């Protein structure tokens, strides 16, 4: 429906341009030509949509079914334990150490360079550790699916879905990351293939 509204707006501007360039252009003839052209074009779009979708419309129920497969999932932050790669500000290091989530060890070189190690308390939120890179992936929250808020047909076989997610269960690491709790608006684009709808971005 949305794409049709945009097309009608486009044609209105198109015919207004003709009227501005040719002031003597008969109003009745312009309206008649516009009506014929718009009707044929919109019927063509509708027909193409029916052919392309084959009755397999992107509905809110279908969008929810496809999106909810990705949830719940973890939101996370990265901490490198090597002093030179460490991405934490000094005040964050001190506060995380104070509340018992990490142990900071000053590196042999560098006045404010620290090697970071998770404590047993901090390891409760560890998702994974890359030993080669010295990289901790730490859970900061749980992301849950919210609801579908809208669907917009970009093309006969492409649909843009607007939905919300809920960022819950913030961990003690969350204040030191970009994670923020609450509802967040998201969008996803789906394309209709021969075997059904697939998320493409």
Protein backbone atom coordinates (compact mmCIF):
# COMPACT_ATOMS: atom_id res chain seq x y z
CA UNK A 1 0.00 0.00 0.00
CA UNK A 2 2.81 2.41 0.91
CA UNK A 3 4.48 2.14 -2.50
CA UNK A 4 1.22 3.07 -4.21
CA UNK A 5 0.91 6.24 -2.15
CA UNK A 6 4.44 7.26 -3.15
CA UNK A 7 3.67 6.58 -6.81
CA UNK A 8 0.50 8.67 -6.72
CA UNK A 9 2.47 11.53 -5.14
CA UNK A 10 5.06 11.19 -7.90
CA UNK A 11 2.45 11.35 -10.66
CA UNK A 12 0.79 14.36 -9.03
CA UNK A 13 4.10 16.21 -9.10
CA UNK A 14 4.69 15.02 -12.68
CA UNK A 15 1.40 16.37 -14.00
CA UNK A 16 1.73 19.55 -11.96
CA UNK A 17 5.03 20.11 -13.77
CA UNK A 18 3.26 19.75 -17.11
CA UNK A 19 0.62 22.24 -16.02
CA UNK A 20 3.28 24.75 -14.92
CA UNK A 21 5.14 24.47 -18.23
CA UNK A 22 1.97 24.55 -20.35
CA UNK A 23 -0.55 26.89 -18.64
CA UNK A 24 -3.11 26.39 -21.42
CA UNK A 25 -3.13 22.63 -20.93
CA UNK A 26 -6.78 21.73 -20.40
CA UNK A 27 -7.46 20.78 -16.78
CA UNK A 28 -10.07 18.17 -17.67
CA UNK A 29 -7.78 16.52 -20.21
CA UNK A 30 -4.91 16.47 -17.69
CA UNK A 31 -7.09 14.84 -15.03
CA UNK A 32 -8.41 12.28 -17.53
CA UNK A 33 -4.92 11.36 -18.75
CA UNK A 34 -3.63 11.17 -15.21
CA UNK A 35 -6.47 8.90 -14.14
CA UNK A 36 -5.95 6.55 -17.08
CA UNK A 37 -2.20 6.39 -16.66
CA UNK A 38 -2.30 5.97 -12.88
CA UNK A 39 -4.98 3.28 -13.07
CA UNK A 40 -3.07 1.23 -15.64
CA UNK A 41 0.19 1.61 -13.74
CA UNK A 42 -1.24 0.68 -10.34
CA UNK A 43 -3.09 -2.30 -11.80
CA UNK A 44 0.23 -3.42 -13.31
CA UNK A 45 1.98 -3.09 -9.94
CA UNK A 46 -0.83 -4.99 -8.28
CA UNK A 47 -0.65 -7.75 -10.91
CA UNK A 48 3.14 -8.01 -10.60
CA UNK A 49 2.80 -8.19 -6.84
CA UNK A 50 0.32 -11.05 -7.10
CA UNK A 51 2.56 -12.88 -9.57
CA UNK A 52 5.71 -12.33 -7.52
CA UNK A 53 4.22 -13.06 -4.11
CA UNK A 54 2.01 -15.87 -5.39
CA UNK A 55 -0.33 -15.36 -2.46
CA UNK A 56 2.63 -15.58 -0.03
CA UNK A 57 2.18 -12.12 1.49
CA UNK A 58 4.51 -10.74 4.11
CA UNK A 59 2.16 -10.45 7.08
CA UNK A 60 2.91 -9.48 10.67
CA UNK A 61 2.50 -13.11 11.69
CA UNK A 62 4.97 -14.26 9.02
CA UNK A 63 7.47 -11.50 9.91
CA UNK A 64 7.29 -12.41 13.60
CA UNK A 65 7.78 -16.10 12.80
CA UNK A 66 10.93 -15.33 10.80
CA UNK A 67 12.44 -12.76 13.16
CA UNK A 68 11.77 -14.46 16.47
CA UNK A 69 14.14 -17.30 15.47
CA UNK A 70 17.05 -14.96 16.23
CA UNK A 71 15.95 -14.30 19.82
CA UNK A 72 16.70 -14.32 22.65
CA UNK A 73 20.35 -13.48 22.12
CA UNK A 74 23.13 -11.84 24.06
CA UNK A 75 24.28 -8.27 23.85
CA UNK A 76 27.97 -8.14 24.66
CA UNK A 77 31.17 -6.17 25.03
CA UNK A 78 34.77 -7.01 24.15
CA UNK A 79 37.67 -6.70 26.60
CA UNK A 80 41.26 -7.51 25.64
CA UNK A 81 43.44 -8.77 28.46
CA UNK A 82 46.69 -7.58 26.89
CA UNK A 83 47.71 -4.19 28.24
CA UNK A 84 48.56 -2.63 24.88
CA UNK A 85 45.32 -3.82 23.26
CA UNK A 86 43.15 -2.99 26.23
CA UNK A 87 40.18 -0.90 25.17
CA UNK A 88 38.92 0.09 28.64
CA UNK A 89 39.39 3.61 30.02
CA UNK A 90 41.43 3.73 33.22
CA UNK A 91 38.46 4.80 35.35
CA UNK A 92 36.46 1.81 34.06
CA UNK A 93 39.31 -0.54 34.92
CA UNK A 94 39.49 0.81 38.45
CA UNK A 95 35.73 0.58 38.99
CA UNK A 96 35.44 -2.94 37.55
CA UNK A 97 38.25 -4.02 39.81
CA UNK A 98 36.64 -2.32 42.80
CA UNK A 99 33.36 -4.22 42.33
CA UNK A 100 35.24 -7.50 41.90
CA UNK A 101 34.62 -8.29 38.23
CA UNK A 102 38.21 -8.08 36.99
CA UNK A 103 41.75 -8.12 38.28
CA UNK A 104 44.03 -5.53 36.74
CA UNK A 105 47.75 -6.14 36.66
CA UNK A 106 50.09 -3.35 35.63
CA UNK A 107 52.08 -4.32 32.55
CA UNK A 108 55.90 -4.35 32.79
CA UNK A 109 56.08 -1.34 30.48
CA UNK A 110 53.76 1.62 30.35
CA UNK A 111 52.65 3.81 33.25
CA UNK A 112 48.89 3.28 32.70
CA UNK A 113 48.98 -0.04 30.88
CA UNK A 114 47.19 -2.95 32.55
CA UNK A 115 46.65 -6.61 31.79
CA UNK A 116 43.06 -7.62 32.53
CA UNK A 117 41.86 -10.91 34.01
CA UNK A 118 38.31 -11.89 34.88
CA UNK A 119 37.63 -12.90 38.46
CA UNK A 120 35.33 -15.81 39.29
CA UNK A 121 32.56 -13.28 39.72
CA UNK A 122 33.30 -11.79 36.31
CA UNK A 123 33.46 -15.21 34.62
CA UNK A 124 29.73 -15.67 35.30
CA UNK A 125 29.13 -13.33 32.35
CA UNK A 126 31.79 -14.73 30.03
CA UNK A 127 30.45 -15.87 26.65
CA UNK A 128 33.78 -16.88 25.13
CA UNK A 129 37.52 -16.30 25.32
CA UNK A 130 39.84 -16.19 22.32
CA UNK A 131 43.18 -17.37 23.67
CA UNK A 132 45.16 -16.31 20.57
CA UNK A 133 43.88 -12.76 20.66
CA UNK A 134 43.47 -12.54 24.43
CA UNK A 135 39.88 -11.42 23.84
CA UNK A 136 37.01 -11.75 26.32
CA UNK A 137 33.46 -11.62 24.95
CA UNK A 138 31.29 -10.68 27.91
CA UNK A 139 27.50 -10.64 28.16
CA UNK A 140 26.05 -7.24 29.02
CA UNK A 141 22.34 -7.98 28.54
CA UNK A 142 19.76 -10.28 26.99
CA UNK A 143 17.94 -9.12 23.86
CA UNK A 144 14.36 -10.32 23.43
CA UNK A 145 11.99 -9.90 20.51
CA UNK A 146 9.28 -7.27 21.00
CA UNK A 147 6.61 -6.80 18.35
CA UNK A 148 6.09 -5.97 14.69
CA UNK A 149 5.21 -2.30 14.29
CA UNK A 150 4.87 -2.02 10.53
CA UNK A 151 5.46 -3.54 7.09
CA UNK A 152 6.28 -1.57 3.94
CA UNK A 153 6.44 -3.03 0.42
CA UNK A 154 9.63 -1.70 -1.19
CA UNK A 155 9.05 -3.77 -4.35
CA UNK A 156 6.64 -6.55 -5.31
CA UNK A 157 9.05 -9.15 -3.88
CA UNK A 158 10.80 -7.05 -1.20
CA UNK A 159 9.37 -6.05 2.16
CA UNK A 160 10.76 -3.81 4.89
CA UNK A 161 9.66 -4.80 8.39
CA UNK A 162 9.79 -2.47 11.38
CA UNK A 163 9.85 -4.05 14.83
CA UNK A 164 11.02 -3.58 18.40
CA UNK A 165 13.41 -5.47 20.62
CA UNK A 166 13.69 -5.37 24.39
CA UNK A 167 17.10 -5.16 26.07
CA UNK A 168 16.71 -6.85 29.45
CA UNK A 169 18.66 -8.48 32.27
CA UNK A 170 21.55 -6.02 32.23
CA UNK A 171 24.71 -7.44 33.80
CA UNK A 172 27.17 -5.51 36.01
CA UNK A 173 29.31 -5.01 32.89
CA UNK A 174 26.55 -3.08 31.06
CA UNK A 175 27.36 0.38 32.52
CA UNK A 176 30.87 0.06 31.05
CA UNK A 177 29.62 -0.74 27.55
CA UNK A 178 27.33 0.75 24.91
CA UNK A 179 24.43 -1.41 26.11
CA UNK A 180 21.32 0.43 27.22
CA UNK A 181 18.19 -1.22 28.54
CA UNK A 182 14.64 -0.75 27.27
CA UNK A 183 12.85 -0.91 23.93
CA UNK A 184 14.78 -0.33 20.71
CA UNK A 185 13.36 0.18 17.20
CA UNK A 186 14.82 -2.07 14.49
CA UNK A 187 14.22 -2.72 10.78
CA UNK A 188 14.78 -5.77 8.59
CA UNK A 189 14.50 -6.29 4.84
CA UNK A 190 13.10 -9.52 3.42
CA UNK A 191 13.15 -10.83 -0.16
CA UNK A 192 10.78 -13.43 -1.56
CA UNK A 193 12.59 -16.43 -3.09
CA UNK A 194 11.13 -19.56 -4.66
CA UNK A 195 11.22 -21.25 -1.25
CA UNK A 196 9.77 -18.35 0.74
CA UNK A 197 10.88 -15.16 2.45
CA UNK A 198 14.50 -14.67 3.47
CA UNK A 199 16.03 -11.88 5.56
CA UNK A 200 18.63 -10.08 3.45
CA UNK A 201 19.60 -7.24 5.82
